Amino acid sequence: MDTNDIETLIAESLNLHADAAINQGDTDTPDGIEELFRIQTFAEAGLLTTDSGLVLHLDDGSTFQVTIVRSR
């Protein structure tokens, strides 16, 4: 697995949990997951970087960037 695979895995997992919390009323999801409005990879968001990572957009308009770096 490389950083792009991890990036995709995390993004898809977060999207599945957010969808379950919002659309299906699933109560077995992490607290706060329903506040995620959109999840994008750095490439999808158009960030000028070669790093892998995610941009998390929240309902309140705030955004967070999470960089994924392989340590070994």
PDB file of N, CA and C in Angstrom:
ATOM      1  N   MET A   1       0.840  -1.183   0.000  1.00  0.00           N
ATOM      2  CA  MET A   1       0.000   0.000   0.000  1.00  0.00           C
ATOM      3  C   MET A   1       0.883   1.243   0.000  1.00  0.00           C
ATOM      4  N   ASP A   2       0.456   2.254  -0.745  1.00  0.00           N
ATOM      5  CA  ASP A   2       1.183   3.516  -0.731  1.00  0.00           C
ATOM      6  C   ASP A   2       0.280   4.621  -0.176  1.00  0.00           C
ATOM      7  N   THR A   3       0.796   5.846  -0.138  1.00  0.00           N
ATOM      8  CA  THR A   3       0.036   6.947   0.465  1.00  0.00           C
ATOM      9  C   THR A   3      -1.256   7.237  -0.291  1.00  0.00           C
ATOM     10  N   ASN A   4      -1.253   7.036  -1.596  1.00  0.00           N
ATOM     11  CA  ASN A   4      -2.483   7.256  -2.362  1.00  0.00           C
ATOM     12  C   ASN A   4      -3.552   6.228  -2.007  1.00  0.00           C
ATOM     13  N   ASP A   5      -3.133   4.987  -1.780  1.00  0.00           N
ATOM     14  CA  ASP A   5      -4.084   3.950  -1.362  1.00  0.00           C
ATOM     15  C   ASP A   5      -4.681   4.278   0.003  1.00  0.00           C
ATOM     16  N   ILE A   6      -3.838   4.729   0.926  1.00  0.00           N
ATOM     17  CA  ILE A   6      -4.309   5.097   2.269  1.00  0.00           C
ATOM     18  C   ILE A   6      -5.257   6.291   2.180  1.00  0.00           C
ATOM     19  N   GLU A   7      -4.899   7.265   1.351  1.00  0.00           N
ATOM     20  CA  GLU A   7      -5.738   8.444   1.132  1.00  0.00           C
ATOM     21  C   GLU A   7      -7.137   8.028   0.667  1.00  0.00           C
ATOM     22  N   THR A   8      -7.193   7.146  -0.312  1.00  0.00           N
ATOM     23  CA  THR A   8      -8.472   6.662  -0.839  1.00  0.00           C
ATOM     24  C   THR A   8      -9.243   5.881   0.212  1.00  0.00           C
ATOM     25  N   LEU A   9      -8.561   5.016   0.936  1.00  0.00           N
ATOM     26  CA  LEU A   9      -9.198   4.216   1.979  1.00  0.00           C
ATOM     27  C   LEU A   9      -9.837   5.091   3.054  1.00  0.00           C
ATOM     28  N   ILE A  10      -9.112   6.094   3.516  1.00  0.00           N
ATOM     29  CA  ILE A  10      -9.641   6.984   4.554  1.00  0.00           C
ATOM     30  C   ILE A  10     -10.815   7.799   4.017  1.00  0.00           C
ATOM     31  N   ALA A  11     -10.676   8.352   2.816  1.00  0.00           N
ATOM     32  CA  ALA A  11     -11.753   9.160   2.231  1.00  0.00           C
ATOM     33  C   ALA A  11     -13.023   8.340   2.049  1.00  0.00           C
ATOM     34  N   GLU A  12     -12.882   7.131   1.520  1.00  0.00           N
ATOM     35  CA  GLU A  12     -14.061   6.285   1.312  1.00  0.00           C
ATOM     36  C   GLU A  12     -14.698   5.882   2.639  1.00  0.00           C
ATOM     37  N   SER A  13     -13.882   5.590   3.635  1.00  0.00           N
ATOM     38  CA  SER A  13     -14.412   5.227   4.955  1.00  0.00           C
ATOM     39  C   SER A  13     -15.174   6.386   5.583  1.00  0.00           C
ATOM     40  N   LEU A  14     -14.592   7.580   5.524  1.00  0.00           N
ATOM     41  CA  LEU A  14     -15.275   8.750   6.079  1.00  0.00           C
ATOM     42  C   LEU A  14     -16.576   9.030   5.339  1.00  0.00           C
ATOM     43  N   ASN A  15     -16.548   8.916   4.021  1.00  0.00           N
ATOM     44  CA  ASN A  15     -17.767   9.138   3.242  1.00  0.00           C
ATOM     45  C   ASN A  15     -18.853   8.124   3.586  1.00  0.00           C
ATOM     46  N   LEU A  16     -18.484   6.868   3.767  1.00  0.00           N
ATOM     47  CA  LEU A  16     -19.466   5.842   4.141  1.00  0.00           C
ATOM     48  C   LEU A  16     -20.080   6.125   5.509  1.00  0.00           C
ATOM     49  N   HIS A  17     -19.240   6.498   6.471  1.00  0.00           N
ATOM     50  CA  HIS A  17     -19.748   6.807   7.813  1.00  0.00           C
ATOM     51  C   HIS A  17     -20.643   8.048   7.797  1.00  0.00           C
ATOM     52  N   ALA A  18     -20.219   9.073   7.062  1.00  0.00           N
ATOM     53  CA  ALA A  18     -21.020  10.295   6.984  1.00  0.00           C
ATOM     54  C   ALA A  18     -22.362  10.015   6.331  1.00  0.00           C
ATOM     55  N   ASP A  19     -22.356   9.240   5.263  1.00  0.00           N
ATOM     56  CA  ASP A  19     -23.598   8.884   4.579  1.00  0.00           C
ATOM     57  C   ASP A  19     -24.521   8.094   5.502  1.00  0.00           C
ATOM     58  N   ALA A  20     -23.964   7.158   6.236  1.00  0.00           N
ATOM     59  CA  ALA A  20     -24.769   6.349   7.158  1.00  0.00           C
ATOM     60  C   ALA A  20     -25.377   7.211   8.256  1.00  0.00           C
ATOM     61  N   ALA A  21     -24.618   8.167   8.764  1.00  0.00           N
ATOM     62  CA  ALA A  21     -25.111   9.023   9.845  1.00  0.00           C
ATOM     63  C   ALA A  21     -26.183   9.987   9.357  1.00  0.00           C
ATOM     64  N   ILE A  22     -25.986  10.536   8.175  1.00  0.00           N
ATOM     65  CA  ILE A  22     -26.890  11.571   7.674  1.00  0.00           C
ATOM     66  C   ILE A  22     -28.128  10.976   7.006  1.00  0.00           C
ATOM     67  N   ASN A  23     -27.929  10.073   6.073  1.00  0.00           N
ATOM     68  CA  ASN A  23     -29.035   9.581   5.251  1.00  0.00           C
ATOM     69  C   ASN A  23     -29.758   8.371   5.813  1.00  0.00           C
ATOM     70  N   GLN A  24     -29.068   7.584   6.603  1.00  0.00           N
ATOM     71  CA  GLN A  24     -29.678   6.357   7.092  1.00  0.00           C
ATOM     72  C   GLN A  24     -29.975   6.405   8.584  1.00  0.00           C
ATOM     73  N   GLY A  25     -29.593   7.492   9.249  1.00  0.00           N
ATOM     74  CA  GLY A  25     -29.854   7.619  10.677  1.00  0.00           C
ATOM     75  C   GLY A  25     -29.103   6.613  11.523  1.00  0.00           C
ATOM     76  N   ASP A  26     -27.993   6.109  11.008  1.00  0.00           N
ATOM     77  CA  ASP A  26     -27.199   5.108  11.728  1.00  0.00           C
ATOM     78  C   ASP A  26     -26.604   5.734  12.985  1.00  0.00           C
ATOM     79  N   THR A  27     -26.836   5.116  14.121  1.00  0.00           N
ATOM     80  CA  THR A  27     -26.313   5.640  15.385  1.00  0.00           C
ATOM     81  C   THR A  27     -24.963   5.031  15.746  1.00  0.00           C
ATOM     82  N   ASP A  28     -24.497   4.065  14.968  1.00  0.00           N
ATOM     83  CA  ASP A  28     -23.222   3.405  15.244  1.00  0.00           C
ATOM     84  C   ASP A  28     -22.108   4.033  14.409  1.00  0.00           C
ATOM     85  N   THR A  29     -22.016   5.367  14.449  1.00  0.00           N
ATOM     86  CA  THR A  29     -20.992   6.096  13.717  1.00  0.00           C
ATOM     87  C   THR A  29     -20.260   7.018  14.687  1.00  0.00           C
ATOM     88  N   PRO A  30     -19.046   7.429  14.348  1.00  0.00           N
ATOM     89  CA  PRO A  30     -18.294   8.317  15.240  1.00  0.00           C
ATOM     90  C   PRO A  30     -19.024   9.641  15.472  1.00  0.00           C
ATOM     91  N   ASP A  31     -18.942  10.160  16.694  1.00  0.00           N
ATOM     92  CA  ASP A  31     -19.548  11.454  17.013  1.00  0.00           C
ATOM     93  C   ASP A  31     -18.958  12.545  16.125  1.00  0.00           C
ATOM     94  N   GLY A  32     -19.795  13.414  15.626  1.00  0.00           N
ATOM     95  CA  GLY A  32     -19.366  14.538  14.809  1.00  0.00           C
ATOM     96  C   GLY A  32     -19.260  14.243  13.329  1.00  0.00           C
ATOM     97  N   ILE A  33     -19.383  12.996  12.935  1.00  0.00           N
ATOM     98  CA  ILE A  33     -19.228  12.633  11.518  1.00  0.00           C
ATOM     99  C   ILE A  33     -20.292  13.313  10.650  1.00  0.00           C
ATOM    100  N   GLU A  34     -21.448  13.592  11.233  1.00  0.00           N
ATOM    101  CA  GLU A  34     -22.524  14.223  10.463  1.00  0.00           C
ATOM    102  C   GLU A  34     -22.204  15.675  10.113  1.00  0.00           C
ATOM    103  N   GLU A  35     -21.176  16.254  10.750  1.00  0.00           N
ATOM    104  CA  GLU A  35     -20.772  17.625  10.453  1.00  0.00           C
ATOM    105  C   GLU A  35     -19.918  17.721   9.193  1.00  0.00           C
ATOM    106  N   LEU A  36     -19.425  16.586   8.699  1.00  0.00           N
ATOM    107  CA  LEU A  36     -18.633  16.590   7.470  1.00  0.00           C
ATOM    108  C   LEU A  36     -19.543  16.864   6.282  1.00  0.00           C
ATOM    109  N   PHE A  37     -19.214  17.918   5.557  1.00  0.00           N
ATOM    110  CA  PHE A  37     -20.005  18.308   4.398  1.00  0.00           C
ATOM    111  C   PHE A  37     -19.451  17.670   3.127  1.00  0.00           C
ATOM    112  N   ARG A  38     -18.107  17.675   3.021  1.00  0.00           N
ATOM    113  CA  ARG A  38     -17.462  17.125   1.828  1.00  0.00           C
ATOM    114  C   ARG A  38     -16.042  16.712   2.186  1.00  0.00           C
ATOM    115  N   ILE A  39     -15.584  15.655   1.552  1.00  0.00           N
ATOM    116  CA  ILE A  39     -14.227  15.157   1.741  1.00  0.00           C
ATOM    117  C   ILE A  39     -13.594  15.058   0.365  1.00  0.00           C
ATOM    118  N   GLN A  40     -12.437  15.701   0.199  1.00  0.00           N
ATOM    119  CA  GLN A  40     -11.741  15.672  -1.080  1.00  0.00           C
ATOM    120  C   GLN A  40     -10.284  15.272  -0.869  1.00  0.00           C
ATOM    121  N   THR A  41      -9.711  14.624  -1.865  1.00  0.00           N
ATOM    122  CA  THR A  41      -8.269  14.424  -1.844  1.00  0.00           C
ATOM    123  C   THR A  41      -7.614  15.759  -2.191  1.00  0.00           C
ATOM    124  N   PHE A  42      -6.328  15.881  -1.887  1.00  0.00           N
ATOM    125  CA  PHE A  42      -5.618  17.105  -2.254  1.00  0.00           C
ATOM    126  C   PHE A  42      -5.728  17.355  -3.756  1.00  0.00           C
ATOM    127  N   ALA A  43      -5.613  16.299  -4.551  1.00  0.00           N
ATOM    128  CA  ALA A  43      -5.700  16.445  -6.012  1.00  0.00           C
ATOM    129  C   ALA A  43      -7.082  16.943  -6.429  1.00  0.00           C
ATOM    130  N   GLU A  44      -8.133  16.365  -5.851  1.00  0.00           N
ATOM    131  CA  GLU A  44      -9.502  16.785  -6.180  1.00  0.00           C
ATOM    132  C   GLU A  44      -9.744  18.240  -5.800  1.00  0.00           C
ATOM    133  N   ALA A  45      -9.124  18.683  -4.705  1.00  0.00           N
ATOM    134  CA  ALA A  45      -9.297  20.055  -4.229  1.00  0.00           C
ATOM    135  C   ALA A  45      -8.419  21.043  -4.994  1.00  0.00           C
ATOM    136  N   GLY A  46      -7.523  20.521  -5.843  1.00  0.00           N
ATOM    137  CA  GLY A  46      -6.668  21.390  -6.648  1.00  0.00           C
ATOM    138  C   GLY A  46      -5.497  21.990  -5.899  1.00  0.00           C
ATOM    139  N   LEU A  47      -5.098  21.381  -4.791  1.00  0.00           N
ATOM    140  CA  LEU A  47      -3.950  21.889  -4.050  1.00  0.00           C
ATOM    141  C   LEU A  47      -2.669  21.628  -4.832  1.00  0.00           C
ATOM    142  N   LEU A  48      -1.793  22.599  -4.835  1.00  0.00           N
ATOM    143  CA  LEU A  48      -0.537  22.478  -5.570  1.00  0.00           C
ATOM    144  C   LEU A  48       0.511  21.828  -4.682  1.00  0.00           C
ATOM    145  N   THR A  49       0.422  20.524  -4.547  1.00  0.00           N
ATOM    146  CA  THR A  49       1.355  19.761  -3.736  1.00  0.00           C
ATOM    147  C   THR A  49       1.472  18.354  -4.303  1.00  0.00           C
ATOM    148  N   THR A  50       2.584  17.721  -4.033  1.00  0.00           N
ATOM    149  CA  THR A  50       2.747  16.323  -4.429  1.00  0.00           C
ATOM    150  C   THR A  50       2.422  15.393  -3.271  1.00  0.00           C
ATOM    151  N   ASP A  51       2.100  15.962  -2.101  1.00  0.00           N
ATOM    152  CA  ASP A  51       1.732  15.159  -0.936  1.00  0.00           C
ATOM    153  C   ASP A  51       0.365  14.516  -1.140  1.00  0.00           C
ATOM    154  N   SER A  52       0.157  13.410  -0.463  1.00  0.00           N
ATOM    155  CA  SER A  52      -1.176  12.807  -0.401  1.00  0.00           C
ATOM    156  C   SER A  52      -1.871  13.360   0.827  1.00  0.00           C
ATOM    157  N   GLY A  53      -3.174  13.509   0.734  1.00  0.00           N
ATOM    158  CA  GLY A  53      -3.909  14.002   1.886  1.00  0.00           C
ATOM    159  C   GLY A  53      -5.350  14.300   1.551  1.00  0.00           C
ATOM    160  N   LEU A  54      -6.048  14.766   2.573  1.00  0.00           N
ATOM    161  CA  LEU A  54      -7.477  15.028   2.452  1.00  0.00           C
ATOM    162  C   LEU A  54      -7.809  16.436   2.915  1.00  0.00           C
ATOM    163  N   VAL A  55      -8.824  17.004   2.300  1.00  0.00           N
ATOM    164  CA  VAL A  55      -9.406  18.266   2.749  1.00  0.00           C
ATOM    165  C   VAL A  55     -10.795  17.929   3.268  1.00  0.00           C
ATOM    166  N   LEU A  56     -11.026  18.238   4.530  1.00  0.00           N
ATOM    167  CA  LEU A  56     -12.319  17.980   5.162  1.00  0.00           C
ATOM    168  C   LEU A  56     -13.073  19.294   5.260  1.00  0.00           C
ATOM    169  N   HIS A  57     -14.237  19.367   4.645  1.00  0.00           N
ATOM    170  CA  HIS A  57     -15.091  20.552   4.677  1.00  0.00           C
ATOM    171  C   HIS A  57     -16.221  20.271   5.664  1.00  0.00           C
ATOM    172  N   LEU A  58     -16.396  21.161   6.633  1.00  0.00           N
ATOM    173  CA  LEU A  58     -17.438  20.982   7.633  1.00  0.00           C
ATOM    174  C   LEU A  58     -18.626  21.886   7.345  1.00  0.00           C
ATOM    175  N   ASP A  59     -19.764  21.526   7.930  1.00  0.00           N
ATOM    176  CA  ASP A  59     -21.003  22.283   7.730  1.00  0.00           C
ATOM    177  C   ASP A  59     -20.874  23.752   8.106  1.00  0.00           C
ATOM    178  N   ASP A  60     -20.029  24.067   9.095  1.00  0.00           N
ATOM    179  CA  ASP A  60     -19.915  25.451   9.557  1.00  0.00           C
ATOM    180  C   ASP A  60     -18.997  26.297   8.679  1.00  0.00           C
ATOM    181  N   GLY A  61     -18.501  25.712   7.574  1.00  0.00           N
ATOM    182  CA  GLY A  61     -17.648  26.440   6.647  1.00  0.00           C
ATOM    183  C   GLY A  61     -16.158  26.271   6.900  1.00  0.00           C
ATOM    184  N   SER A  62     -15.789  25.665   7.996  1.00  0.00           N
ATOM    185  CA  SER A  62     -14.372  25.462   8.278  1.00  0.00           C
ATOM    186  C   SER A  62     -13.830  24.297   7.457  1.00  0.00           C
ATOM    187  N   THR A  63     -12.531  24.325   7.218  1.00  0.00           N
ATOM    188  CA  THR A  63     -11.876  23.241   6.488  1.00  0.00           C
ATOM    189  C   THR A  63     -10.630  22.802   7.247  1.00  0.00           C
ATOM    190  N   PHE A  64     -10.311  21.538   7.089  1.00  0.00           N
ATOM    191  CA  PHE A  64      -9.109  20.969   7.680  1.00  0.00           C
ATOM    192  C   PHE A  64      -8.366  20.215   6.592  1.00  0.00           C
ATOM    193  N   GLN A  65      -7.044  20.305   6.628  1.00  0.00           N
ATOM    194  CA  GLN A  65      -6.217  19.534   5.712  1.00  0.00           C
ATOM    195  C   GLN A  65      -5.445  18.496   6.515  1.00  0.00           C
ATOM    196  N   VAL A  66      -5.495  17.262   6.048  1.00  0.00           N
ATOM    197  CA  VAL A  66      -4.797  16.161   6.700  1.00  0.00           C
ATOM    198  C   VAL A  66      -3.795  15.598   5.696  1.00  0.00           C
ATOM    199  N   THR A  67      -2.516  15.717   6.004  1.00  0.00           N
ATOM    200  CA  THR A  67      -1.470  15.204   5.129  1.00  0.00           C
ATOM    201  C   THR A  67      -1.114  13.780   5.536  1.00  0.00           C
ATOM    202  N   ILE A  68      -0.913  12.930   4.542  1.00  0.00           N
ATOM    203  CA  ILE A  68      -0.563  11.530   4.790  1.00  0.00           C
ATOM    204  C   ILE A  68       0.880  11.316   4.337  1.00  0.00           C
ATOM    205  N   VAL A  69       1.723  10.916   5.292  1.00  0.00           N
ATOM    206  CA  VAL A  69       3.140  10.708   5.022  1.00  0.00           C
ATOM    207  C   VAL A  69       3.524   9.310   5.470  1.00  0.00           C
ATOM    208  N   ARG A  70       4.182   8.583   4.612  1.00  0.00           N
ATOM    209  CA  ARG A  70       4.659   7.247   4.979  1.00  0.00           C
ATOM    210  C   ARG A  70       5.917   7.402   5.827  1.00  0.00           C
ATOM    211  N   SER A  71       5.932   6.754   6.989  1.00  0.00           N
ATOM    212  CA  SER A  71       7.076   6.895   7.882  1.00  0.00           C
ATOM    213  C   SER A  71       8.112   5.789   7.711  1.00  0.00           C
ATOM    214  N   ARG A  72       7.747   4.679   7.132  1.00  0.00           N
ATOM    215  CA  ARG A  72       8.715   3.600   6.858  1.00  0.00           C
ATOM    216  C   ARG A  72       8.423   2.971   5.528  1.00  0.00           C
TER     217      ARG A  72
END
